[in-house]
Protein backbone atom coordinates (compact mmCIF):
# COMPACT_ATOMS: atom_id res chain seq x y z
CA UNK A 1 0.00 0.00 0.00
CA UNK A 2 3.04 2.27 -0.24
CA UNK A 3 2.07 5.25 -2.35
CA UNK A 4 4.96 7.60 -3.06
CA UNK A 5 5.20 11.23 -4.11
CA UNK A 6 8.35 13.12 -5.12
CA UNK A 7 8.36 16.93 -4.95
CA UNK A 8 11.02 19.45 -6.02
CA UNK A 9 12.40 21.72 -3.30
CA UNK A 10 13.19 25.41 -3.64
CA UNK A 11 16.63 25.70 -5.32
CA UNK A 12 17.65 28.34 -2.75
CA UNK A 13 17.03 25.88 0.09
CA UNK A 14 20.15 24.62 1.84
CA UNK A 15 18.52 21.77 3.76
CA UNK A 16 20.51 18.56 4.14
CA UNK A 17 19.54 15.18 2.73
CA UNK A 18 17.87 12.91 5.31
CA UNK A 19 20.21 10.07 4.30
CA UNK A 20 23.61 11.82 4.00
CA UNK A 21 25.26 15.25 4.32
CA UNK A 22 24.61 16.52 0.79
CA UNK A 23 22.18 19.35 -0.07
CA UNK A 24 18.63 18.07 -0.64
CA UNK A 25 16.93 18.75 -3.97
CA UNK A 26 13.65 16.81 -3.60
CA UNK A 27 11.18 15.71 -0.93
CA UNK A 28 9.92 12.12 -0.91
CA UNK A 29 6.66 11.22 0.84
CA UNK A 30 5.82 7.55 1.40
CA UNK A 31 2.24 6.84 2.50
CA UNK A 32 2.41 3.88 4.89
CA UNK A 33 -1.28 3.76 5.88
CA UNK A 34 -4.53 5.59 5.23
CA UNK A 35 -4.35 7.46 8.52
CA UNK A 36 -3.39 11.10 8.42
CA UNK A 37 0.14 11.72 9.66
CA UNK A 38 1.40 8.19 9.05
CA UNK A 39 3.55 9.27 6.10
CA UNK A 40 7.32 8.97 6.04
CA UNK A 41 8.95 12.14 4.67
CA UNK A 42 12.55 12.33 3.47
CA UNK A 43 14.58 15.18 1.97
CA UNK A 44 16.82 13.64 -0.70
CA UNK A 45 19.98 14.56 -2.60
CA UNK A 46 20.59 13.59 -6.22
CA UNK A 47 22.08 10.20 -5.29
CA UNK A 48 19.16 9.20 -3.09
CA UNK A 49 16.59 10.55 -5.58
CA UNK A 50 17.93 8.07 -8.12
CA UNK A 51 17.57 5.29 -5.50
CA UNK A 52 13.95 6.37 -4.91
CA UNK A 53 13.24 6.37 -8.65
CA UNK A 54 14.60 2.80 -8.78
CA UNK A 55 12.23 1.89 -5.88
CA UNK A 56 15.10 1.05 -3.51
CA UNK A 57 13.25 2.26 -0.43
CA UNK A 58 15.01 -0.15 1.93
CA UNK A 59 18.31 1.58 1.07
CA UNK A 60 16.76 4.97 1.85
CA UNK A 61 15.38 3.77 5.20
CA UNK A 62 18.74 2.21 6.13
CA UNK A 63 20.77 5.30 5.17
CA UNK A 64 18.29 7.51 7.05
CA UNK A 65 18.62 5.42 10.23
CA UNK A 66 22.42 5.50 10.07
CA UNK A 67 22.53 9.26 9.43
CA UNK A 68 20.01 9.96 12.19
CA UNK A 69 22.08 7.95 14.69
CA UNK A 70 25.33 9.65 13.62
CA UNK A 71 23.79 13.13 13.90
CA UNK A 72 22.36 12.34 17.35
CA UNK A 73 25.76 11.13 18.53
CA UNK A 74 27.42 14.30 17.18
CA UNK A 75 24.80 16.49 18.88
CA UNK A 76 25.53 14.84 22.24
CA UNK A 77 29.24 15.64 21.96
CA UNK A 78 28.74 19.26 20.87
CA UNK A 79 28.76 21.63 23.89
CA UNK A 80 26.22 24.43 24.00
CA UNK A 81 27.77 27.90 23.99
C-alpha atoms as a PDB file:
ATOM      1  CA  UNK A   1       0.000   0.000   0.000  1.00  0.00           C
ATOM      2  CA  UNK A   2       3.045   2.267  -0.238  1.00  0.00           C
ATOM      3  CA  UNK A   3       2.069   5.255  -2.349  1.00  0.00           C
ATOM      4  CA  UNK A   4       4.962   7.600  -3.056  1.00  0.00           C
ATOM      5  CA  UNK A   5       5.201  11.230  -4.113  1.00  0.00           C
ATOM      6  CA  UNK A   6       8.348  13.116  -5.122  1.00  0.00           C
ATOM      7  CA  UNK A   7       8.359  16.933  -4.954  1.00  0.00           C
ATOM      8  CA  UNK A   8      11.017  19.448  -6.019  1.00  0.00           C
ATOM      9  CA  UNK A   9      12.402  21.723  -3.301  1.00  0.00           C
ATOM     10  CA  UNK A  10      13.187  25.413  -3.645  1.00  0.00           C
ATOM     11  CA  UNK A  11      16.626  25.698  -5.319  1.00  0.00           C
ATOM     12  CA  UNK A  12      17.651  28.344  -2.751  1.00  0.00           C
ATOM     13  CA  UNK A  13      17.032  25.885   0.092  1.00  0.00           C
ATOM     14  CA  UNK A  14      20.154  24.624   1.845  1.00  0.00           C
ATOM     15  CA  UNK A  15      18.519  21.768   3.764  1.00  0.00           C
ATOM     16  CA  UNK A  16      20.506  18.558   4.139  1.00  0.00           C
ATOM     17  CA  UNK A  17      19.544  15.185   2.733  1.00  0.00           C
ATOM     18  CA  UNK A  18      17.870  12.910   5.309  1.00  0.00           C
ATOM     19  CA  UNK A  19      20.208  10.075   4.298  1.00  0.00           C
ATOM     20  CA  UNK A  20      23.609  11.819   3.999  1.00  0.00           C
ATOM     21  CA  UNK A  21      25.258  15.247   4.324  1.00  0.00           C
ATOM     22  CA  UNK A  22      24.610  16.522   0.788  1.00  0.00           C
ATOM     23  CA  UNK A  23      22.180  19.347  -0.066  1.00  0.00           C
ATOM     24  CA  UNK A  24      18.630  18.069  -0.636  1.00  0.00           C
ATOM     25  CA  UNK A  25      16.927  18.748  -3.969  1.00  0.00           C
ATOM     26  CA  UNK A  26      13.646  16.813  -3.595  1.00  0.00           C
ATOM     27  CA  UNK A  27      11.175  15.714  -0.931  1.00  0.00           C
ATOM     28  CA  UNK A  28       9.924  12.116  -0.910  1.00  0.00           C
ATOM     29  CA  UNK A  29       6.661  11.216   0.838  1.00  0.00           C
ATOM     30  CA  UNK A  30       5.815   7.547   1.399  1.00  0.00           C
ATOM     31  CA  UNK A  31       2.242   6.837   2.502  1.00  0.00           C
ATOM     32  CA  UNK A  32       2.410   3.880   4.894  1.00  0.00           C
ATOM     33  CA  UNK A  33      -1.285   3.760   5.877  1.00  0.00           C
ATOM     34  CA  UNK A  34      -4.527   5.586   5.230  1.00  0.00           C
ATOM     35  CA  UNK A  35      -4.353   7.460   8.522  1.00  0.00           C
ATOM     36  CA  UNK A  36      -3.386  11.095   8.417  1.00  0.00           C
ATOM     37  CA  UNK A  37       0.142  11.723   9.659  1.00  0.00           C
ATOM     38  CA  UNK A  38       1.402   8.190   9.046  1.00  0.00           C
ATOM     39  CA  UNK A  39       3.549   9.270   6.104  1.00  0.00           C
ATOM     40  CA  UNK A  40       7.323   8.970   6.039  1.00  0.00           C
ATOM     41  CA  UNK A  41       8.948  12.140   4.668  1.00  0.00           C
ATOM     42  CA  UNK A  42      12.555  12.330   3.473  1.00  0.00           C
ATOM     43  CA  UNK A  43      14.585  15.180   1.966  1.00  0.00           C
ATOM     44  CA  UNK A  44      16.820  13.638  -0.700  1.00  0.00           C
ATOM     45  CA  UNK A  45      19.981  14.560  -2.595  1.00  0.00           C
ATOM     46  CA  UNK A  46      20.587  13.592  -6.218  1.00  0.00           C
ATOM     47  CA  UNK A  47      22.076  10.200  -5.294  1.00  0.00           C
ATOM     48  CA  UNK A  48      19.157   9.204  -3.092  1.00  0.00           C
ATOM     49  CA  UNK A  49      16.585  10.553  -5.582  1.00  0.00           C
ATOM     50  CA  UNK A  50      17.927   8.068  -8.119  1.00  0.00           C
ATOM     51  CA  UNK A  51      17.566   5.293  -5.501  1.00  0.00           C
ATOM     52  CA  UNK A  52      13.955   6.366  -4.914  1.00  0.00           C
ATOM     53  CA  UNK A  53      13.242   6.369  -8.647  1.00  0.00           C
ATOM     54  CA  UNK A  54      14.598   2.803  -8.776  1.00  0.00           C
ATOM     55  CA  UNK A  55      12.225   1.893  -5.884  1.00  0.00           C
ATOM     56  CA  UNK A  56      15.105   1.051  -3.509  1.00  0.00           C
ATOM     57  CA  UNK A  57      13.249   2.265  -0.432  1.00  0.00           C
ATOM     58  CA  UNK A  58      15.010  -0.154   1.932  1.00  0.00           C
ATOM     59  CA  UNK A  59      18.306   1.576   1.071  1.00  0.00           C
ATOM     60  CA  UNK A  60      16.764   4.968   1.855  1.00  0.00           C
ATOM     61  CA  UNK A  61      15.376   3.770   5.203  1.00  0.00           C
ATOM     62  CA  UNK A  62      18.743   2.207   6.134  1.00  0.00           C
ATOM     63  CA  UNK A  63      20.772   5.304   5.169  1.00  0.00           C
ATOM     64  CA  UNK A  64      18.290   7.509   7.047  1.00  0.00           C
ATOM     65  CA  UNK A  65      18.617   5.419  10.228  1.00  0.00           C
ATOM     66  CA  UNK A  66      22.422   5.503  10.071  1.00  0.00           C
ATOM     67  CA  UNK A  67      22.534   9.265   9.427  1.00  0.00           C
ATOM     68  CA  UNK A  68      20.007   9.959  12.193  1.00  0.00           C
ATOM     69  CA  UNK A  69      22.084   7.945  14.690  1.00  0.00           C
ATOM     70  CA  UNK A  70      25.329   9.652  13.620  1.00  0.00           C
ATOM     71  CA  UNK A  71      23.792  13.132  13.899  1.00  0.00           C
ATOM     72  CA  UNK A  72      22.359  12.342  17.346  1.00  0.00           C
ATOM     73  CA  UNK A  73      25.759  11.134  18.534  1.00  0.00           C
ATOM     74  CA  UNK A  74      27.420  14.296  17.181  1.00  0.00           C
ATOM     75  CA  UNK A  75      24.804  16.488  18.884  1.00  0.00           C
ATOM     76  CA  UNK A  76      25.526  14.844  22.242  1.00  0.00           C
ATOM     77  CA  UNK A  77      29.237  15.640  21.957  1.00  0.00           C
ATOM     78  CA  UNK A  78      28.738  19.257  20.870  1.00  0.00           C
ATOM     79  CA  UNK A  79      28.756  21.625  23.888  1.00  0.00           C
ATOM     80  CA  UNK A  80      26.223  24.435  24.003  1.00  0.00           C
ATOM     81  CA  UNK A  81      27.771  27.897  23.989  1.00  0.00           C
END
